[in-house]
N, C-alpha and C. Protein backbone atom coordinates (compact mmCIF):
# COMPACT_ATOMS: atom_id res chain seq x y z
N MET A 1 94.66 79.87 109.92
CA MET A 1 93.44 79.12 110.18
C MET A 1 93.32 78.02 109.14
N ASP A 2 92.98 76.85 109.61
CA ASP A 2 92.91 75.69 108.72
C ASP A 2 91.56 75.53 108.05
N GLU A 3 90.50 75.97 108.70
CA GLU A 3 89.16 75.76 108.15
C GLU A 3 88.40 77.08 108.12
N ALA A 4 87.38 77.10 107.29
CA ALA A 4 86.57 78.31 107.16
C ALA A 4 85.70 78.49 108.40
N ILE A 5 85.48 79.76 108.75
CA ILE A 5 84.65 80.07 109.91
C ILE A 5 83.28 80.50 109.42
N SER A 6 82.25 79.95 110.03
CA SER A 6 80.89 80.30 109.67
C SER A 6 80.59 81.73 110.13
N PRO A 7 79.93 82.54 109.29
CA PRO A 7 79.60 83.91 109.70
C PRO A 7 78.68 83.96 110.92
N GLU A 8 77.81 82.96 111.06
CA GLU A 8 76.93 82.93 112.22
C GLU A 8 77.71 82.70 113.51
N LEU A 9 78.73 81.83 113.43
CA LEU A 9 79.55 81.57 114.62
C LEU A 9 80.38 82.79 115.00
N VAL A 10 80.81 83.56 114.02
CA VAL A 10 81.59 84.76 114.30
C VAL A 10 80.73 85.78 115.04
N LEU A 11 79.44 85.82 114.72
CA LEU A 11 78.55 86.74 115.41
C LEU A 11 78.30 86.33 116.85
N VAL A 12 78.39 85.04 117.13
CA VAL A 12 78.05 84.53 118.46
C VAL A 12 79.29 84.39 119.35
N SER A 13 80.37 83.91 118.79
CA SER A 13 81.54 83.58 119.59
C SER A 13 82.59 84.68 119.52
N PRO A 14 82.95 85.30 120.66
CA PRO A 14 83.98 86.35 120.65
C PRO A 14 85.36 85.82 120.25
N GLU A 15 85.68 84.58 120.62
CA GLU A 15 86.99 84.01 120.26
C GLU A 15 87.11 83.83 118.75
N LEU A 16 86.05 83.30 118.13
CA LEU A 16 86.08 83.11 116.67
C LEU A 16 86.10 84.45 115.96
N ARG A 17 85.44 85.45 116.52
CA ARG A 17 85.45 86.79 115.93
C ARG A 17 86.87 87.35 115.90
N LEU A 18 87.58 87.20 117.01
CA LEU A 18 88.96 87.70 117.07
C LEU A 18 89.86 86.95 116.10
N LYS A 19 89.65 85.62 115.96
CA LYS A 19 90.44 84.85 115.00
C LYS A 19 90.17 85.30 113.57
N ALA A 20 88.89 85.57 113.25
CA ALA A 20 88.54 86.00 111.91
C ALA A 20 89.12 87.37 111.60
N ILE A 21 89.08 88.28 112.57
CA ILE A 21 89.65 89.61 112.37
C ILE A 21 91.15 89.52 112.19
N ALA A 22 91.81 88.65 112.95
CA ALA A 22 93.26 88.49 112.84
C ALA A 22 93.65 87.90 111.49
N ALA A 23 92.76 87.11 110.89
CA ALA A 23 93.07 86.50 109.59
C ALA A 23 92.91 87.47 108.43
N LEU A 24 92.22 88.59 108.65
CA LEU A 24 92.03 89.56 107.56
C LEU A 24 93.33 90.29 107.26
N PRO A 25 93.56 90.62 105.98
CA PRO A 25 94.75 91.42 105.66
C PRO A 25 94.57 92.86 106.11
N ASP A 26 95.67 93.54 106.33
CA ASP A 26 95.61 94.95 106.70
C ASP A 26 95.12 95.76 105.50
N PRO A 27 94.20 96.70 105.73
CA PRO A 27 93.68 97.51 104.61
C PRO A 27 94.72 98.53 104.16
N ASP A 28 94.65 98.88 102.89
CA ASP A 28 95.50 99.93 102.34
C ASP A 28 94.77 101.26 102.56
N TRP A 29 95.13 101.95 103.64
CA TRP A 29 94.40 103.15 104.04
C TRP A 29 94.53 104.28 103.03
N ASP A 30 95.62 104.35 102.30
CA ASP A 30 95.75 105.39 101.28
C ASP A 30 94.72 105.20 100.17
N ALA A 31 94.50 103.95 99.76
CA ALA A 31 93.50 103.67 98.72
C ALA A 31 92.10 103.95 99.24
N VAL A 32 91.85 103.61 100.50
CA VAL A 32 90.53 103.86 101.08
C VAL A 32 90.25 105.36 101.15
N LEU A 33 91.21 106.14 101.60
CA LEU A 33 91.04 107.59 101.68
C LEU A 33 90.85 108.21 100.31
N THR A 34 91.57 107.71 99.32
CA THR A 34 91.43 108.23 97.96
C THR A 34 90.02 107.97 97.44
N ARG A 35 89.49 106.74 97.66
CA ARG A 35 88.14 106.43 97.21
C ARG A 35 87.09 107.28 97.91
N VAL A 36 87.27 107.49 99.22
CA VAL A 36 86.30 108.30 99.97
C VAL A 36 86.33 109.74 99.49
N ARG A 37 87.50 110.28 99.25
CA ARG A 37 87.60 111.67 98.77
C ARG A 37 87.00 111.83 97.38
N LEU A 38 87.23 110.86 96.50
CA LEU A 38 86.65 110.92 95.16
C LEU A 38 85.13 110.83 95.22
N ARG A 39 84.61 109.96 96.07
CA ARG A 39 83.17 109.82 96.21
C ARG A 39 82.55 111.09 96.79
N ALA A 40 83.23 111.69 97.77
CA ALA A 40 82.71 112.93 98.37
C ALA A 40 82.73 114.07 97.36
N ALA A 41 83.77 114.15 96.54
CA ALA A 41 83.85 115.21 95.54
C ALA A 41 82.78 115.02 94.46
N ALA A 42 82.48 113.77 94.13
CA ALA A 42 81.48 113.51 93.09
C ALA A 42 80.06 113.83 93.57
N THR A 43 79.79 113.65 94.85
CA THR A 43 78.44 113.89 95.36
C THR A 43 78.26 115.31 95.87
N ALA A 44 79.30 116.09 96.01
CA ALA A 44 79.18 117.44 96.55
C ALA A 44 78.54 118.40 95.54
N ALA A 45 78.83 118.27 94.27
CA ALA A 45 78.32 119.20 93.26
C ALA A 45 76.79 119.14 93.09
N PRO A 46 76.17 117.95 92.98
CA PRO A 46 74.71 117.94 92.81
C PRO A 46 73.96 118.50 94.02
N VAL A 47 74.49 118.34 95.21
CA VAL A 47 73.81 118.86 96.40
C VAL A 47 73.77 120.37 96.36
N VAL A 48 74.86 121.01 95.94
CA VAL A 48 74.90 122.47 95.86
C VAL A 48 73.93 122.96 94.79
N ALA A 49 73.85 122.28 93.67
CA ALA A 49 72.94 122.69 92.59
C ALA A 49 71.49 122.55 93.02
N ARG A 50 71.14 121.52 93.79
CA ARG A 50 69.77 121.31 94.23
C ARG A 50 69.36 122.39 95.22
N ARG A 51 70.25 122.81 96.07
CA ARG A 51 69.92 123.83 97.06
C ARG A 51 69.68 125.19 96.41
N GLN A 52 70.26 125.44 95.27
CA GLN A 52 70.06 126.72 94.60
C GLN A 52 68.69 126.77 93.93
N ARG A 53 68.12 125.63 93.55
CA ARG A 53 66.83 125.63 92.85
C ARG A 53 65.67 125.93 93.78
N ILE A 54 65.48 125.11 94.80
CA ILE A 54 64.32 125.27 95.68
C ILE A 54 64.81 125.16 97.12
N PRO A 55 64.52 126.15 97.93
CA PRO A 55 64.89 126.03 99.35
C PRO A 55 64.16 124.86 100.01
N ASP A 56 64.75 124.31 101.04
CA ASP A 56 64.20 123.11 101.67
C ASP A 56 62.84 123.35 102.32
N LEU A 57 62.56 124.54 102.80
CA LEU A 57 61.29 124.80 103.47
C LEU A 57 60.19 125.24 102.51
N LEU A 58 60.54 125.58 101.30
CA LEU A 58 59.54 126.06 100.35
C LEU A 58 58.66 124.93 99.82
N MET A 59 59.22 123.76 99.60
CA MET A 59 58.45 122.65 99.04
C MET A 59 57.35 122.17 99.99
N PRO A 60 57.60 121.93 101.27
CA PRO A 60 56.48 121.54 102.15
C PRO A 60 55.41 122.62 102.26
N LEU A 61 55.82 123.87 102.21
CA LEU A 61 54.85 124.96 102.26
C LEU A 61 53.96 124.95 101.01
N ALA A 62 54.54 124.73 99.85
CA ALA A 62 53.77 124.68 98.62
C ALA A 62 52.80 123.49 98.63
N VAL A 63 53.24 122.35 99.15
CA VAL A 63 52.36 121.19 99.24
C VAL A 63 51.19 121.48 100.18
N ALA A 64 51.47 122.14 101.30
CA ALA A 64 50.41 122.48 102.26
C ALA A 64 49.40 123.45 101.64
N VAL A 65 49.88 124.42 100.88
CA VAL A 65 48.98 125.38 100.24
C VAL A 65 48.10 124.69 99.21
N VAL A 66 48.68 123.83 98.39
CA VAL A 66 47.90 123.11 97.38
C VAL A 66 46.87 122.21 98.06
N PHE A 67 47.24 121.54 99.13
CA PHE A 67 46.30 120.69 99.86
C PHE A 67 45.16 121.52 100.45
N PHE A 68 45.48 122.64 101.07
CA PHE A 68 44.46 123.50 101.67
C PHE A 68 43.48 124.02 100.63
N VAL A 69 44.00 124.48 99.50
CA VAL A 69 43.14 125.02 98.45
C VAL A 69 42.27 123.93 97.85
N SER A 70 42.82 122.75 97.63
CA SER A 70 42.02 121.68 97.03
C SER A 70 40.93 121.19 97.98
N VAL A 71 41.22 121.09 99.27
CA VAL A 71 40.19 120.68 100.23
C VAL A 71 39.11 121.75 100.34
N THR A 72 39.51 123.01 100.37
CA THR A 72 38.53 124.09 100.47
C THR A 72 37.63 124.13 99.24
N LEU A 73 38.20 124.04 98.05
CA LEU A 73 37.40 124.05 96.83
C LEU A 73 36.52 122.82 96.74
N GLY A 74 37.03 121.67 97.16
CA GLY A 74 36.22 120.45 97.14
C GLY A 74 35.03 120.56 98.07
N THR A 75 35.25 121.12 99.25
CA THR A 75 34.15 121.32 100.19
C THR A 75 33.12 122.30 99.62
N LEU A 76 33.58 123.37 98.99
CA LEU A 76 32.67 124.34 98.39
C LEU A 76 31.82 123.70 97.29
N VAL A 77 32.46 122.92 96.43
CA VAL A 77 31.74 122.27 95.33
C VAL A 77 30.71 121.29 95.89
N LEU A 78 31.08 120.49 96.87
CA LEU A 78 30.14 119.53 97.43
C LEU A 78 28.99 120.23 98.16
N THR A 79 29.25 121.37 98.79
CA THR A 79 28.19 122.14 99.44
C THR A 79 27.23 122.69 98.41
N LEU A 80 27.74 123.24 97.31
CA LEU A 80 26.88 123.75 96.26
C LEU A 80 26.03 122.65 95.64
N ILE A 81 26.60 121.49 95.45
CA ILE A 81 25.84 120.36 94.89
C ILE A 81 24.74 119.93 95.86
N ALA A 82 25.06 119.86 97.14
CA ALA A 82 24.06 119.46 98.13
C ALA A 82 22.94 120.48 98.24
N ASP A 83 23.27 121.79 98.16
CA ASP A 83 22.23 122.80 98.21
C ASP A 83 21.34 122.79 96.97
N SER A 84 21.90 122.48 95.83
CA SER A 84 21.10 122.46 94.61
C SER A 84 20.16 121.26 94.54
N LEU A 85 20.45 120.21 95.27
CA LEU A 85 19.60 119.01 95.24
C LEU A 85 18.49 119.06 96.30
N ARG A 86 18.45 120.04 97.13
CA ARG A 86 17.41 120.14 98.15
C ARG A 86 16.11 120.58 97.59
């Protein structure tokens, strides 16, 4: 290819898209697989450690309980204040 192809034209024109893809070098698949495996190995350990600390369903339950208790106590306090001012 003699001239640069605009990214916008590649999105619109199928012929220019094929020319741009043909101009790209072939990827080194061994290097890509090595990077993906290293990234997967690096992120696998923290996920296992997080699951051992708190189960996934326990946190929303705890938030719901705290919300319920705070709303109930708030309503009780406001009721007592309203009754005392009558």
